[in-house]
Amino acid sequence: MKIFIGPMEIAGIATGICEGFRKLDLRAEAVFRYAHSFCYSNERNDDWMLQKWIHLSDLNQAASGSFSIRKIIRAISVRLWSILILVRCLCRYDAFIFMFGHTITNSKIEQIGRAHV
């Protein structure tokens, strides 16, 4: 079983959960959409798709106070890239733990067929 933990890190909680699963010999991976300013996690994901998603998310977040065509294009790009990441994660992971009310696409797509635990 491979477990996805993310896409948000809050006070090192996601990293702690990931480490706990690993101590129980479960494969867990922390995947974060944004780089955390305090660098709680020392995990580095070299997956080019995730790196592109993080980069687009950072660009979109940096321009959140402005309104322009560039902002609209970035927002659409992040949404489309998030759907690609979701499809890829559905193929890679067996279980998902979403942190702090955030999901991969931040939409209702992830609620389809979810199990209540």
N, C-alpha and C. Protein backbone atom coordinates (compact mmCIF):
# COMPACT_ATOMS: atom_id res chain seq x y z
N MET A 1 0.85 -1.18 0.00
CA MET A 1 0.00 0.00 0.00
C MET A 1 0.89 1.23 0.00
N LYS A 2 0.56 2.17 -0.87
CA LYS A 2 1.29 3.43 -0.94
C LYS A 2 0.32 4.57 -0.60
N ILE A 3 0.74 5.44 0.31
CA ILE A 3 -0.12 6.48 0.85
C ILE A 3 0.36 7.86 0.41
N PHE A 4 -0.56 8.67 -0.11
CA PHE A 4 -0.30 10.06 -0.46
C PHE A 4 -0.67 10.92 0.74
N ILE A 5 0.22 11.82 1.14
CA ILE A 5 -0.06 12.76 2.22
C ILE A 5 0.25 14.16 1.68
N GLY A 6 -0.72 15.03 1.70
CA GLY A 6 -0.51 16.38 1.19
C GLY A 6 -1.83 17.00 0.82
N PRO A 7 -1.89 17.96 -0.02
CA PRO A 7 -0.81 18.67 -0.69
C PRO A 7 -0.33 19.89 0.07
N MET A 8 -0.69 19.97 1.36
CA MET A 8 -0.35 21.14 2.16
C MET A 8 0.37 20.68 3.42
N GLU A 9 1.37 21.40 3.82
CA GLU A 9 2.09 21.10 5.08
C GLU A 9 1.74 22.17 6.09
N ILE A 10 1.30 21.73 7.26
CA ILE A 10 0.96 22.65 8.34
C ILE A 10 1.75 22.22 9.57
N ALA A 11 2.69 23.04 9.99
CA ALA A 11 3.46 22.85 11.23
C ALA A 11 4.13 21.48 11.34
N GLY A 12 4.49 20.90 10.23
CA GLY A 12 5.19 19.62 10.24
C GLY A 12 4.31 18.40 10.46
N ILE A 13 2.99 18.60 10.47
CA ILE A 13 2.07 17.48 10.74
C ILE A 13 2.13 16.43 9.64
N ALA A 14 2.09 16.85 8.38
CA ALA A 14 2.12 15.89 7.27
C ALA A 14 3.42 15.10 7.28
N THR A 15 4.52 15.77 7.54
CA THR A 15 5.82 15.08 7.60
C THR A 15 5.85 14.08 8.74
N GLY A 16 5.27 14.44 9.90
CA GLY A 16 5.21 13.52 11.04
C GLY A 16 4.35 12.31 10.75
N ILE A 17 3.22 12.52 10.09
CA ILE A 17 2.35 11.39 9.72
C ILE A 17 3.09 10.46 8.77
N CYS A 18 3.77 11.04 7.81
CA CYS A 18 4.53 10.25 6.83
C CYS A 18 5.61 9.41 7.52
N GLU A 19 6.34 10.02 8.44
CA GLU A 19 7.37 9.29 9.18
C GLU A 19 6.77 8.18 10.03
N GLY A 20 5.60 8.43 10.63
CA GLY A 20 4.93 7.42 11.43
C GLY A 20 4.52 6.21 10.60
N PHE A 21 3.97 6.45 9.42
CA PHE A 21 3.62 5.34 8.53
C PHE A 21 4.85 4.54 8.14
N ARG A 22 5.94 5.23 7.88
CA ARG A 22 7.17 4.53 7.50
C ARG A 22 7.69 3.66 8.63
N LYS A 23 7.54 4.11 9.87
CA LYS A 23 7.95 3.29 11.01
C LYS A 23 7.10 2.03 11.12
N LEU A 24 5.90 2.11 10.59
CA LEU A 24 5.01 0.94 10.57
C LEU A 24 5.20 0.11 9.29
N ASP A 25 6.25 0.39 8.56
CA ASP A 25 6.59 -0.28 7.31
C ASP A 25 5.54 -0.12 6.22
N LEU A 26 4.90 1.05 6.20
CA LEU A 26 3.99 1.39 5.13
C LEU A 26 4.66 2.44 4.25
N ARG A 27 4.44 2.33 2.97
CA ARG A 27 5.05 3.30 2.04
C ARG A 27 4.19 4.55 2.00
N ALA A 28 4.72 5.64 2.49
CA ALA A 28 4.01 6.91 2.51
C ALA A 28 4.89 7.97 1.87
N GLU A 29 4.25 8.86 1.15
CA GLU A 29 4.99 9.92 0.47
C GLU A 29 4.27 11.25 0.71
N ALA A 30 5.04 12.23 1.16
CA ALA A 30 4.50 13.57 1.34
C ALA A 30 4.70 14.35 0.04
N VAL A 31 3.61 14.85 -0.49
CA VAL A 31 3.64 15.62 -1.74
C VAL A 31 2.99 16.97 -1.44
N PHE A 32 3.77 18.02 -1.57
CA PHE A 32 3.27 19.36 -1.23
C PHE A 32 3.16 20.24 -2.45
N ARG A 33 2.05 20.95 -2.53
CA ARG A 33 1.79 21.84 -3.66
C ARG A 33 2.61 23.12 -3.57
N TYR A 34 2.87 23.56 -2.37
CA TYR A 34 3.65 24.79 -2.16
C TYR A 34 4.84 24.48 -1.26
N ALA A 35 5.94 25.13 -1.52
CA ALA A 35 7.09 25.00 -0.64
C ALA A 35 6.77 25.74 0.66
N HIS A 36 7.01 25.09 1.81
CA HIS A 36 6.71 25.73 3.08
C HIS A 36 7.85 26.65 3.50
N SER A 37 7.51 27.81 4.03
CA SER A 37 8.53 28.80 4.37
C SER A 37 9.46 28.33 5.48
N PHE A 38 9.01 27.42 6.35
CA PHE A 38 9.86 26.92 7.44
C PHE A 38 10.54 25.60 7.10
N CYS A 39 10.30 25.08 5.91
CA CYS A 39 10.95 23.85 5.43
C CYS A 39 10.84 22.70 6.42
N TYR A 40 9.62 22.38 6.84
CA TYR A 40 9.42 21.28 7.79
C TYR A 40 9.87 19.94 7.22
N SER A 41 9.64 19.77 5.94
CA SER A 41 9.95 18.49 5.32
C SER A 41 11.30 18.54 4.62
N ASN A 42 12.06 17.47 4.78
CA ASN A 42 13.31 17.38 4.03
C ASN A 42 13.12 16.50 2.80
N GLU A 43 11.88 16.15 2.51
CA GLU A 43 11.59 15.32 1.34
C GLU A 43 11.71 16.16 0.09
N ARG A 44 12.31 15.60 -0.89
CA ARG A 44 12.48 16.29 -2.17
C ARG A 44 11.99 15.36 -3.26
N ASN A 45 10.99 15.80 -3.97
CA ASN A 45 10.44 14.98 -5.03
C ASN A 45 11.00 15.47 -6.36
N ASP A 46 11.69 14.60 -7.06
CA ASP A 46 12.32 14.95 -8.32
C ASP A 46 11.44 14.67 -9.54
N ASP A 47 10.19 14.33 -9.31
CA ASP A 47 9.26 14.07 -10.39
C ASP A 47 9.00 15.38 -11.14
N TRP A 48 9.28 15.40 -12.44
CA TRP A 48 9.18 16.64 -13.21
C TRP A 48 7.74 17.15 -13.27
N MET A 49 6.75 16.25 -13.26
CA MET A 49 5.36 16.71 -13.30
C MET A 49 4.99 17.44 -12.02
N LEU A 50 5.44 16.89 -10.88
CA LEU A 50 5.16 17.56 -9.62
C LEU A 50 5.90 18.88 -9.51
N GLN A 51 7.13 18.92 -10.00
CA GLN A 51 7.89 20.16 -9.97
C GLN A 51 7.21 21.25 -10.80
N LYS A 52 6.68 20.88 -11.96
CA LYS A 52 5.96 21.84 -12.81
C LYS A 52 4.69 22.32 -12.11
N TRP A 53 3.97 21.42 -11.45
CA TRP A 53 2.75 21.76 -10.72
C TRP A 53 3.07 22.75 -9.59
N ILE A 54 4.14 22.48 -8.85
CA ILE A 54 4.56 23.36 -7.76
C ILE A 54 4.94 24.73 -8.32
N HIS A 55 5.69 24.74 -9.41
CA HIS A 55 6.12 26.00 -10.02
C HIS A 55 4.92 26.83 -10.48
N LEU A 56 3.97 26.19 -11.17
CA LEU A 56 2.78 26.90 -11.63
C LEU A 56 1.95 27.41 -10.45
N SER A 57 1.84 26.60 -9.40
CA SER A 57 1.09 27.01 -8.21
C SER A 57 1.73 28.21 -7.54
N ASP A 58 3.06 28.20 -7.45
CA ASP A 58 3.77 29.33 -6.85
C ASP A 58 3.58 30.60 -7.67
N LEU A 59 3.67 30.50 -9.00
CA LEU A 59 3.45 31.66 -9.86
C LEU A 59 2.03 32.19 -9.71
N ASN A 60 1.07 31.29 -9.67
CA ASN A 60 -0.32 31.68 -9.52
C ASN A 60 -0.57 32.36 -8.18
N GLN A 61 0.00 31.82 -7.13
CA GLN A 61 -0.18 32.39 -5.79
C GLN A 61 0.49 33.76 -5.69
N ALA A 62 1.63 33.94 -6.32
CA ALA A 62 2.35 35.21 -6.27
C ALA A 62 1.57 36.33 -6.94
N ALA A 63 0.77 35.99 -7.92
CA ALA A 63 0.00 36.99 -8.66
C ALA A 63 -1.43 37.08 -8.18
N SER A 64 -1.74 36.54 -7.00
CA SER A 64 -3.13 36.45 -6.56
C SER A 64 -3.77 37.80 -6.29
N GLY A 65 -3.00 38.84 -6.04
CA GLY A 65 -3.58 40.15 -5.76
C GLY A 65 -3.91 40.95 -6.99
N SER A 66 -3.47 40.52 -8.14
CA SER A 66 -3.68 41.30 -9.35
C SER A 66 -4.75 40.66 -10.24
N PHE A 67 -5.27 41.43 -11.16
CA PHE A 67 -6.21 40.91 -12.14
C PHE A 67 -5.69 41.25 -13.52
N SER A 68 -5.38 40.23 -14.27
CA SER A 68 -4.88 40.44 -15.62
C SER A 68 -5.10 39.17 -16.44
N ILE A 69 -4.88 39.27 -17.72
CA ILE A 69 -4.98 38.11 -18.59
C ILE A 69 -3.96 37.05 -18.17
N ARG A 70 -2.77 37.50 -17.79
CA ARG A 70 -1.72 36.57 -17.35
C ARG A 70 -2.19 35.78 -16.12
N LYS A 71 -2.87 36.43 -15.19
CA LYS A 71 -3.37 35.76 -13.99
C LYS A 71 -4.42 34.72 -14.37
N ILE A 72 -5.29 35.05 -15.29
CA ILE A 72 -6.33 34.11 -15.73
C ILE A 72 -5.70 32.89 -16.40
N ILE A 73 -4.71 33.12 -17.26
CA ILE A 73 -4.02 32.02 -17.93
C ILE A 73 -3.31 31.13 -16.92
N ARG A 74 -2.66 31.74 -15.92
CA ARG A 74 -1.98 30.95 -14.88
C ARG A 74 -2.98 30.13 -14.08
N ALA A 75 -4.11 30.73 -13.75
CA ALA A 75 -5.13 30.00 -12.96
C ALA A 75 -5.67 28.80 -13.75
N ILE A 76 -5.92 29.00 -15.03
CA ILE A 76 -6.40 27.89 -15.87
C ILE A 76 -5.32 26.82 -16.00
N SER A 77 -4.07 27.24 -16.18
CA SER A 77 -2.95 26.29 -16.28
C SER A 77 -2.81 25.45 -15.02
N VAL A 78 -2.92 26.10 -13.86
CA VAL A 78 -2.82 25.37 -12.59
C VAL A 78 -3.96 24.36 -12.47
N ARG A 79 -5.17 24.76 -12.85
CA ARG A 79 -6.33 23.86 -12.76
C ARG A 79 -6.14 22.64 -13.66
N LEU A 80 -5.73 22.87 -14.91
CA LEU A 80 -5.53 21.75 -15.84
C LEU A 80 -4.38 20.85 -15.39
N TRP A 81 -3.30 21.45 -14.92
CA TRP A 81 -2.15 20.67 -14.46
C TRP A 81 -2.55 19.86 -13.22
N SER A 82 -3.38 20.44 -12.36
CA SER A 82 -3.84 19.72 -11.16
C SER A 82 -4.64 18.48 -11.52
N ILE A 83 -5.43 18.55 -12.57
CA ILE A 83 -6.19 17.38 -13.02
C ILE A 83 -5.24 16.30 -13.51
N LEU A 84 -4.20 16.68 -14.24
CA LEU A 84 -3.18 15.71 -14.67
C LEU A 84 -2.50 15.06 -13.47
N ILE A 85 -2.17 15.86 -12.47
CA ILE A 85 -1.53 15.34 -11.26
C ILE A 85 -2.48 14.38 -10.54
N LEU A 86 -3.75 14.73 -10.47
CA LEU A 86 -4.74 13.85 -9.83
C LEU A 86 -4.79 12.49 -10.52
N VAL A 87 -4.87 12.49 -11.84
CA VAL A 87 -4.92 11.22 -12.59
C VAL A 87 -3.66 10.40 -12.31
N ARG A 88 -2.52 11.06 -12.32
CA ARG A 88 -1.27 10.36 -12.06
C ARG A 88 -1.23 9.79 -10.63
N CYS A 89 -1.70 10.57 -9.67
CA CYS A 89 -1.70 10.11 -8.28
C CYS A 89 -2.68 8.96 -8.07
N LEU A 90 -3.81 8.97 -8.78
CA LEU A 90 -4.76 7.86 -8.67
C LEU A 90 -4.13 6.55 -9.13
N CYS A 91 -3.21 6.64 -10.07
CA CYS A 91 -2.52 5.44 -10.55
C CYS A 91 -1.40 5.01 -9.61
N ARG A 92 -0.82 5.94 -8.88
CA ARG A 92 0.35 5.65 -8.04
C ARG A 92 0.03 5.29 -6.59
N TYR A 93 -1.05 5.86 -6.04
CA TYR A 93 -1.32 5.71 -4.61
C TYR A 93 -2.60 4.93 -4.36
N ASP A 94 -2.59 4.21 -3.23
CA ASP A 94 -3.76 3.42 -2.84
C ASP A 94 -4.65 4.17 -1.85
N ALA A 95 -4.07 5.08 -1.10
CA ALA A 95 -4.81 5.83 -0.08
C ALA A 95 -4.34 7.28 -0.09
N PHE A 96 -5.25 8.17 0.29
CA PHE A 96 -4.95 9.60 0.28
C PHE A 96 -5.30 10.23 1.62
N ILE A 97 -4.41 11.05 2.13
CA ILE A 97 -4.68 11.86 3.31
C ILE A 97 -4.48 13.30 2.88
N PHE A 98 -5.58 14.05 2.81
CA PHE A 98 -5.52 15.45 2.42
C PHE A 98 -5.44 16.31 3.69
N MET A 99 -4.52 17.24 3.68
CA MET A 99 -4.25 18.05 4.86
C MET A 99 -4.91 19.43 4.75
N PHE A 100 -5.41 19.89 5.88
CA PHE A 100 -5.88 21.27 6.06
C PHE A 100 -6.94 21.68 5.04
N GLY A 101 -7.81 20.74 4.68
CA GLY A 101 -8.91 21.05 3.78
C GLY A 101 -8.53 21.27 2.33
N HIS A 102 -7.29 20.93 1.97
CA HIS A 102 -6.85 21.09 0.58
C HIS A 102 -6.77 19.73 -0.09
N THR A 103 -7.09 19.72 -1.37
CA THR A 103 -6.95 18.51 -2.17
C THR A 103 -6.05 18.82 -3.35
N ILE A 104 -5.84 17.87 -4.21
CA ILE A 104 -4.95 18.09 -5.35
C ILE A 104 -5.52 19.15 -6.29
N THR A 105 -6.82 19.08 -6.58
CA THR A 105 -7.43 20.06 -7.48
C THR A 105 -8.19 21.14 -6.73
N ASN A 106 -8.35 20.98 -5.42
CA ASN A 106 -9.16 21.89 -4.60
C ASN A 106 -10.57 22.04 -5.18
N SER A 107 -11.13 20.91 -5.57
CA SER A 107 -12.49 20.88 -6.10
C SER A 107 -13.19 19.64 -5.52
N LYS A 108 -14.37 19.37 -5.98
CA LYS A 108 -15.13 18.22 -5.47
C LYS A 108 -14.78 16.92 -6.18
N ILE A 109 -13.87 16.97 -7.14
CA ILE A 109 -13.50 15.77 -7.90
C ILE A 109 -13.02 14.66 -6.97
N GLU A 110 -12.21 15.02 -5.98
CA GLU A 110 -11.63 14.01 -5.09
C GLU A 110 -12.66 13.36 -4.18
N GLN A 111 -13.85 13.94 -4.05
CA GLN A 111 -14.87 13.37 -3.17
C GLN A 111 -15.62 12.22 -3.81
N ILE A 112 -15.46 12.04 -5.09
CA ILE A 112 -16.16 10.95 -5.79
C ILE A 112 -15.60 9.61 -5.29
N GLY A 113 -16.45 8.78 -4.76
CA GLY A 113 -16.06 7.45 -4.31
C GLY A 113 -15.17 7.43 -3.09
N ARG A 114 -15.18 8.49 -2.29
CA ARG A 114 -14.29 8.51 -1.13
C ARG A 114 -14.82 7.62 0.00
N ALA A 115 -13.91 7.10 0.77
CA ALA A 115 -14.25 6.28 1.92
C ALA A 115 -14.16 7.15 3.17
N HIS A 116 -15.13 7.01 4.03
CA HIS A 116 -15.12 7.76 5.30
C HIS A 116 -14.41 6.93 6.35
N VAL A 117 -13.40 7.53 6.94
CA VAL A 117 -12.64 6.81 7.95
C VAL A 117 -12.77 7.53 9.27
